[in-house]
Amino acid sequence: MLGLPILISDSMPDIALGAKPIVLMNPQLAYTDAIKKGIEMKHIANNSTQALQGGQLLVSDIYIDGVVHNADALRVLTV
């Protein structure tokens, strides 16, 4: 549609009177991601379950947030 990809999401409401089931958006212009805390990786040592299986346990986490910073770059269709 207009050269933009079409994504279908179960998070959007069903098509019904007064619903807003369709959004036309340029995500590069409308949305910004922000990394709140860089990725951390932890090596869990002395874990008997992993040691007995001959494996290692690595755990990583990262905190990312996002915000619409340009509402003019999106349009919502009300049915």
N, C-alpha and C. Protein backbone atom coordinates (compact mmCIF):
# COMPACT_ATOMS: atom_id res chain seq x y z
N MET A 1 0.84 -1.17 0.00
CA MET A 1 0.00 0.00 0.00
C MET A 1 0.90 1.24 0.00
N LEU A 2 0.86 2.00 -1.05
CA LEU A 2 1.69 3.20 -1.21
C LEU A 2 3.17 2.88 -1.06
N GLY A 3 3.56 1.66 -1.36
CA GLY A 3 4.96 1.26 -1.25
C GLY A 3 5.40 0.93 0.16
N LEU A 4 4.49 0.98 1.13
CA LEU A 4 4.82 0.67 2.52
C LEU A 4 4.47 -0.78 2.83
N PRO A 5 5.22 -1.43 3.71
CA PRO A 5 4.88 -2.79 4.09
C PRO A 5 3.57 -2.82 4.88
N ILE A 6 2.86 -3.92 4.79
CA ILE A 6 1.62 -4.10 5.54
C ILE A 6 1.88 -5.13 6.63
N LEU A 7 1.62 -4.74 7.87
CA LEU A 7 1.78 -5.62 9.02
C LEU A 7 0.41 -5.84 9.64
N ILE A 8 0.09 -7.08 9.96
CA ILE A 8 -1.17 -7.41 10.60
C ILE A 8 -0.87 -7.85 12.03
N SER A 9 -1.59 -7.24 12.98
CA SER A 9 -1.31 -7.51 14.39
C SER A 9 -2.60 -7.86 15.13
N ASP A 10 -2.52 -8.87 15.99
CA ASP A 10 -3.65 -9.23 16.84
C ASP A 10 -3.88 -8.18 17.93
N SER A 11 -2.92 -7.26 18.13
CA SER A 11 -3.05 -6.24 19.17
C SER A 11 -4.01 -5.12 18.77
N MET A 12 -4.27 -4.99 17.47
CA MET A 12 -5.17 -3.95 17.00
C MET A 12 -6.62 -4.39 17.20
N PRO A 13 -7.53 -3.43 17.41
CA PRO A 13 -8.93 -3.80 17.62
C PRO A 13 -9.57 -4.36 16.34
N ASP A 14 -10.63 -5.12 16.52
CA ASP A 14 -11.40 -5.63 15.38
C ASP A 14 -12.08 -4.46 14.68
N ILE A 15 -12.40 -4.64 13.40
CA ILE A 15 -13.09 -3.59 12.65
C ILE A 15 -14.53 -3.53 13.15
N ALA A 16 -14.89 -2.38 13.72
CA ALA A 16 -16.24 -2.15 14.25
C ALA A 16 -16.46 -0.64 14.29
N LEU A 17 -17.69 -0.24 14.40
CA LEU A 17 -18.03 1.17 14.44
C LEU A 17 -17.33 1.86 15.60
N GLY A 18 -16.58 2.92 15.31
CA GLY A 18 -15.86 3.67 16.34
C GLY A 18 -14.47 3.13 16.65
N ALA A 19 -14.15 1.96 16.10
CA ALA A 19 -12.83 1.37 16.37
C ALA A 19 -11.76 2.06 15.52
N LYS A 20 -10.51 1.90 15.93
CA LYS A 20 -9.37 2.46 15.20
C LYS A 20 -8.42 1.32 14.83
N PRO A 21 -8.82 0.50 13.84
CA PRO A 21 -8.06 -0.72 13.55
C PRO A 21 -6.92 -0.55 12.55
N ILE A 22 -6.77 0.62 11.93
CA ILE A 22 -5.76 0.78 10.89
C ILE A 22 -4.89 1.99 11.19
N VAL A 23 -3.59 1.80 11.12
CA VAL A 23 -2.62 2.88 11.32
C VAL A 23 -1.71 2.93 10.10
N LEU A 24 -1.55 4.10 9.54
CA LEU A 24 -0.60 4.33 8.46
C LEU A 24 0.54 5.13 9.08
N MET A 25 1.77 4.57 9.03
CA MET A 25 2.86 5.18 9.77
C MET A 25 4.18 5.00 9.04
N ASN A 26 5.02 6.02 9.13
CA ASN A 26 6.41 5.91 8.72
C ASN A 26 7.21 5.77 10.01
N PRO A 27 7.58 4.55 10.40
CA PRO A 27 8.21 4.34 11.70
C PRO A 27 9.54 5.08 11.86
N GLN A 28 10.27 5.29 10.77
CA GLN A 28 11.55 5.99 10.88
C GLN A 28 11.36 7.44 11.28
N LEU A 29 10.26 8.05 10.84
CA LEU A 29 9.99 9.45 11.17
C LEU A 29 9.17 9.60 12.45
N ALA A 30 8.40 8.59 12.81
CA ALA A 30 7.45 8.72 13.92
C ALA A 30 7.98 8.22 15.25
N TYR A 31 8.84 7.22 15.24
CA TYR A 31 9.15 6.48 16.47
C TYR A 31 10.64 6.48 16.76
N THR A 32 10.98 6.57 18.04
CA THR A 32 12.38 6.52 18.45
C THR A 32 12.55 5.45 19.53
N ASP A 33 13.58 4.64 19.37
CA ASP A 33 13.97 3.66 20.40
C ASP A 33 15.07 4.27 21.25
N ALA A 34 15.05 3.95 22.52
CA ALA A 34 16.10 4.43 23.42
C ALA A 34 16.58 3.26 24.27
N ILE A 35 17.88 3.03 24.26
CA ILE A 35 18.46 1.99 25.10
C ILE A 35 18.68 2.60 26.47
N LYS A 36 17.93 2.10 27.46
CA LYS A 36 18.02 2.63 28.82
C LYS A 36 19.27 2.13 29.54
N LYS A 37 19.61 0.89 29.28
CA LYS A 37 20.78 0.30 29.93
C LYS A 37 21.38 -0.68 28.93
N GLY A 38 22.66 -0.56 28.70
CA GLY A 38 23.33 -1.43 27.74
C GLY A 38 23.19 -2.90 28.10
N ILE A 39 23.49 -3.74 27.15
CA ILE A 39 23.35 -5.18 27.36
C ILE A 39 24.38 -5.66 28.38
N GLU A 40 23.92 -6.49 29.26
CA GLU A 40 24.80 -7.12 30.26
C GLU A 40 24.75 -8.63 30.05
N MET A 41 25.90 -9.26 30.11
CA MET A 41 25.93 -10.71 30.01
C MET A 41 26.63 -11.25 31.25
N LYS A 42 26.00 -12.23 31.85
CA LYS A 42 26.54 -12.85 33.07
C LYS A 42 26.81 -14.32 32.80
N HIS A 43 27.95 -14.77 33.23
CA HIS A 43 28.28 -16.19 33.18
C HIS A 43 27.99 -16.76 34.56
N ILE A 44 27.03 -17.65 34.64
CA ILE A 44 26.66 -18.23 35.92
C ILE A 44 27.57 -19.43 36.16
N ALA A 45 28.47 -19.24 37.12
CA ALA A 45 29.45 -20.30 37.44
C ALA A 45 28.96 -21.08 38.67
N ASN A 46 29.54 -22.20 38.90
CA ASN A 46 29.23 -23.06 40.05
C ASN A 46 27.77 -23.51 40.05
N ASN A 47 27.21 -23.73 38.88
CA ASN A 47 25.85 -24.22 38.76
C ASN A 47 25.96 -25.73 38.55
N SER A 48 25.59 -26.50 39.55
CA SER A 48 25.80 -27.95 39.48
C SER A 48 24.99 -28.60 38.35
N THR A 49 23.80 -28.10 38.05
CA THR A 49 22.99 -28.69 36.98
C THR A 49 23.70 -28.55 35.64
N GLN A 50 24.22 -27.35 35.35
CA GLN A 50 24.93 -27.13 34.09
C GLN A 50 26.23 -27.92 34.05
N ALA A 51 26.94 -27.94 35.16
CA ALA A 51 28.22 -28.65 35.20
C ALA A 51 28.04 -30.15 34.96
N LEU A 52 27.01 -30.73 35.54
CA LEU A 52 26.77 -32.16 35.37
C LEU A 52 26.40 -32.49 33.92
N GLN A 53 25.78 -31.55 33.22
CA GLN A 53 25.41 -31.77 31.82
C GLN A 53 26.52 -31.36 30.87
N GLY A 54 27.60 -30.81 31.40
CA GLY A 54 28.71 -30.38 30.57
C GLY A 54 28.45 -29.07 29.84
N GLY A 55 27.52 -28.27 30.34
CA GLY A 55 27.18 -27.01 29.68
C GLY A 55 27.57 -25.80 30.51
N GLN A 56 27.29 -24.64 29.96
CA GLN A 56 27.52 -23.39 30.66
C GLN A 56 26.23 -22.58 30.58
N LEU A 57 26.01 -21.72 31.56
CA LEU A 57 24.81 -20.90 31.59
C LEU A 57 25.21 -19.44 31.43
N LEU A 58 24.70 -18.81 30.37
CA LEU A 58 24.92 -17.39 30.12
C LEU A 58 23.56 -16.70 30.16
N VAL A 59 23.47 -15.59 30.88
CA VAL A 59 22.23 -14.83 30.99
C VAL A 59 22.52 -13.41 30.56
N SER A 60 21.66 -12.86 29.68
CA SER A 60 21.86 -11.48 29.25
C SER A 60 20.55 -10.71 29.37
N ASP A 61 20.66 -9.40 29.55
CA ASP A 61 19.48 -8.55 29.57
C ASP A 61 19.82 -7.16 29.04
N ILE A 62 18.78 -6.50 28.55
CA ILE A 62 18.91 -5.15 28.02
C ILE A 62 17.56 -4.45 28.24
N TYR A 63 17.60 -3.17 28.52
CA TYR A 63 16.39 -2.40 28.73
C TYR A 63 16.24 -1.38 27.61
N ILE A 64 15.14 -1.51 26.84
CA ILE A 64 14.89 -0.63 25.70
C ILE A 64 13.51 -0.01 25.87
N ASP A 65 13.41 1.27 25.54
CA ASP A 65 12.15 1.99 25.62
C ASP A 65 11.90 2.63 24.26
N GLY A 66 10.69 3.04 24.01
CA GLY A 66 10.37 3.70 22.75
C GLY A 66 9.28 4.73 22.95
N VAL A 67 9.24 5.71 22.04
CA VAL A 67 8.25 6.77 22.15
C VAL A 67 7.94 7.32 20.76
N VAL A 68 6.69 7.71 20.55
CA VAL A 68 6.31 8.43 19.33
C VAL A 68 6.76 9.87 19.52
N HIS A 69 7.67 10.32 18.69
CA HIS A 69 8.18 11.70 18.82
C HIS A 69 7.67 12.62 17.73
N ASN A 70 7.01 12.06 16.71
CA ASN A 70 6.49 12.88 15.62
C ASN A 70 5.12 12.33 15.22
N ALA A 71 4.08 12.81 15.87
CA ALA A 71 2.72 12.32 15.60
C ALA A 71 2.25 12.65 14.20
N ASP A 72 2.89 13.61 13.53
CA ASP A 72 2.52 13.95 12.15
C ASP A 72 2.91 12.86 11.17
N ALA A 73 3.77 11.94 11.58
CA ALA A 73 4.22 10.87 10.69
C ALA A 73 3.34 9.63 10.79
N LEU A 74 2.20 9.74 11.48
CA LEU A 74 1.27 8.62 11.53
C LEU A 74 -0.17 9.12 11.47
N ARG A 75 -1.01 8.27 10.93
CA ARG A 75 -2.44 8.55 10.84
C ARG A 75 -3.19 7.31 11.29
N VAL A 76 -4.28 7.53 12.04
CA VAL A 76 -5.11 6.45 12.55
C VAL A 76 -6.48 6.55 11.88
N LEU A 77 -6.96 5.44 11.33
CA LEU A 77 -8.26 5.42 10.67
C LEU A 77 -9.33 5.01 11.67
N THR A 78 -10.33 5.85 11.85
CA THR A 78 -11.49 5.52 12.69
C THR A 78 -12.60 5.02 11.78
N VAL A 79 -13.14 3.85 12.09
CA VAL A 79 -14.19 3.25 11.27
C VAL A 79 -15.53 3.85 11.65
